[in-house]
Amino acid sequence: MLGASGNADVVRRLFDALERGDAEAMLACFDIGAMFEPLSTPVAEREPSEALGHTGLRRYLDELHGTWDEFSIAIGDIREAGDHVAALGRIHAVAHAAGFDSDDPVGFVWRLRDERIVWGKTYRTHEQALAALA
């Protein structure tokens, strides 16, 4: 992985915590008022409070556990540009009842302030994430 700043370390800690299923450690990476836009439902289609702050992030994590029988993200590359960090990897999600099994590329772009994530968005391709990073 590229990048050695504190911001890149925060993003690494976030994905390490996700892999361990440690919601508290994940939330510690985020500012209390952080906004996150997942792939599943763009912020424009949600109530604003659904994607805002630790409460919105907890709700999102609960949705992940309620929707997927298996869910993992493997990050292979981290890149930085100013106060933004891109994390590029793959997402694996399985919902047995729906007969859904997906293993696809994924990219995240995070904006950080004082080594806390204040905004994040998920992208379907590495190229889209890198374009947003630029």
Protein backbone atom coordinates (compact mmCIF):
# COMPACT_ATOMS: atom_id res chain seq x y z
CA MET A 1 0.00 0.00 0.00
CA LEU A 2 1.19 3.47 -0.79
CA GLY A 3 1.14 6.44 1.53
CA ALA A 4 2.63 6.88 4.97
CA SER A 5 0.80 9.86 6.48
CA GLY A 6 -1.45 9.81 9.50
CA ASN A 7 -4.46 10.04 7.15
CA ALA A 8 -3.47 6.85 5.34
CA ASP A 9 -2.97 5.17 8.72
CA VAL A 10 -6.50 6.16 9.77
CA VAL A 11 -7.91 4.55 6.62
CA ARG A 12 -5.85 1.40 7.22
CA ARG A 13 -7.19 1.23 10.81
CA LEU A 14 -10.74 1.65 9.49
CA PHE A 15 -10.48 -1.34 7.17
CA ASP A 16 -8.63 -3.43 9.75
CA ALA A 17 -11.48 -2.76 12.20
CA LEU A 18 -14.07 -3.66 9.53
CA GLU A 19 -12.27 -6.95 8.89
CA ARG A 20 -12.36 -7.72 12.63
CA GLY A 21 -16.00 -6.64 12.92
CA ASP A 22 -15.02 -4.02 15.52
CA ALA A 23 -17.64 -1.29 15.14
CA GLU A 24 -16.23 0.84 17.97
CA ALA A 25 -12.75 0.88 16.42
CA MET A 26 -14.31 1.78 13.07
CA LEU A 27 -16.29 4.66 14.58
CA ALA A 28 -13.12 5.94 16.27
CA CYS A 29 -11.79 6.69 12.77
CA PHE A 30 -14.72 9.02 12.02
CA ASP A 31 -15.51 12.54 13.11
CA ILE A 32 -18.75 12.65 15.12
CA GLY A 33 -20.52 14.45 12.23
CA ALA A 34 -19.02 12.46 9.35
CA MET A 35 -21.03 11.85 6.16
CA PHE A 36 -20.72 8.50 4.36
CA GLU A 37 -22.24 7.57 1.00
CA PRO A 38 -22.25 3.78 0.46
CA LEU A 39 -22.80 2.07 -2.87
CA SER A 40 -26.04 0.52 -1.70
CA THR A 41 -28.00 3.76 -1.38
CA PRO A 42 -26.71 7.15 -2.48
CA VAL A 43 -27.15 9.91 0.10
CA ALA A 44 -29.55 11.71 -2.25
CA GLU A 45 -31.98 8.77 -1.87
CA ARG A 46 -31.74 8.62 1.93
CA GLU A 47 -32.92 10.83 4.68
CA PRO A 48 -29.94 13.11 5.43
CA SER A 49 -29.62 11.80 8.98
CA GLU A 50 -29.31 8.21 7.73
CA ALA A 51 -25.77 8.77 6.47
CA LEU A 52 -24.68 11.36 9.01
CA GLY A 53 -22.51 10.92 12.05
CA HIS A 54 -21.90 7.96 14.27
CA THR A 55 -25.62 7.18 14.50
CA GLY A 56 -25.90 6.93 10.70
CA LEU A 57 -22.74 4.85 10.51
CA ARG A 58 -24.07 2.46 13.17
CA ARG A 59 -27.32 2.16 11.20
CA TYR A 60 -25.34 1.37 8.05
CA LEU A 61 -23.30 -1.32 9.84
CA ASP A 62 -26.52 -2.86 11.18
CA GLU A 63 -27.90 -2.89 7.61
CA LEU A 64 -24.77 -4.69 6.39
CA HIS A 65 -25.17 -7.40 9.02
CA GLY A 66 -28.88 -7.72 8.30
CA THR A 67 -28.48 -7.93 4.53
CA TRP A 68 -25.38 -10.04 3.95
CA ASP A 69 -24.52 -13.53 5.13
CA GLU A 70 -20.93 -12.80 4.15
CA PHE A 71 -19.38 -9.37 3.62
CA SER A 72 -15.73 -8.46 3.30
CA ILE A 73 -13.56 -5.79 1.77
CA ALA A 74 -9.93 -6.40 0.82
CA ILE A 75 -7.93 -3.23 0.24
CA GLY A 76 -4.85 -3.59 -1.95
CA ASP A 77 -3.81 0.02 -2.55
CA ILE A 78 -4.07 3.30 -0.68
CA ARG A 79 -3.32 6.62 -2.36
CA GLU A 80 -3.31 10.15 -0.99
CA ALA A 81 -3.91 13.61 -2.40
CA GLY A 82 -3.92 16.41 0.13
CA ASP A 83 -6.56 15.74 2.78
CA HIS A 84 -8.14 12.94 0.69
CA VAL A 85 -7.28 9.24 0.71
CA ALA A 86 -8.40 6.63 -1.83
CA ALA A 87 -8.60 2.97 -0.83
CA LEU A 88 -8.82 0.53 -3.73
CA GLY A 89 -9.71 -3.12 -3.46
CA ARG A 90 -12.41 -5.73 -3.82
CA ILE A 91 -15.72 -6.28 -2.10
CA HIS A 92 -17.20 -9.73 -1.56
CA ALA A 93 -20.85 -9.99 -0.54
CA VAL A 94 -23.12 -13.03 -0.28
CA ALA A 95 -26.85 -13.19 0.49
CA HIS A 96 -27.78 -16.87 0.42
CA ALA A 97 -31.57 -16.41 0.50
CA ALA A 98 -31.45 -14.06 -2.49
CA GLY A 99 -28.98 -16.26 -4.36
CA PHE A 100 -26.56 -13.32 -4.57
CA ASP A 101 -22.79 -13.77 -4.62
CA SER A 102 -20.62 -10.89 -5.73
CA ASP A 103 -16.88 -10.30 -5.88
CA ASP A 104 -16.27 -6.92 -7.49
CA PRO A 105 -13.79 -4.05 -7.53
CA VAL A 106 -14.50 -1.21 -5.13
CA GLY A 107 -12.96 2.17 -4.43
CA PHE A 108 -13.42 4.52 -1.52
CA VAL A 109 -12.47 8.15 -1.23
CA TRP A 110 -12.23 9.67 2.23
CA ARG A 111 -11.67 13.29 3.28
CA LEU A 112 -9.99 13.70 6.63
CA ARG A 113 -9.49 16.57 9.04
CA ASP A 114 -7.27 16.24 12.11
CA GLU A 115 -6.81 12.53 11.33
CA ARG A 116 -10.55 11.82 11.46
CA ILE A 117 -12.75 10.94 8.50
CA VAL A 118 -15.28 13.71 7.84
CA TRP A 119 -16.64 12.46 4.50
CA GLY A 120 -16.51 9.27 2.47
CA LYS A 121 -17.97 7.84 -0.70
CA THR A 122 -17.87 4.39 -2.28
CA TYR A 123 -17.26 3.91 -6.01
CA ARG A 124 -17.92 0.89 -8.25
CA THR A 125 -14.51 1.07 -9.92
CA HIS A 126 -10.98 2.02 -9.02
CA GLU A 127 -10.98 4.47 -11.93
CA GLN A 128 -14.01 6.33 -10.57
CA ALA A 129 -12.42 6.60 -7.13
CA LEU A 130 -9.12 7.82 -8.56
CA ALA A 131 -10.94 10.40 -10.70
CA ALA A 132 -12.68 11.67 -7.55
CA LEU A 133 -9.33 11.79 -5.74
CA ALA A 134 -7.75 13.98 -8.41
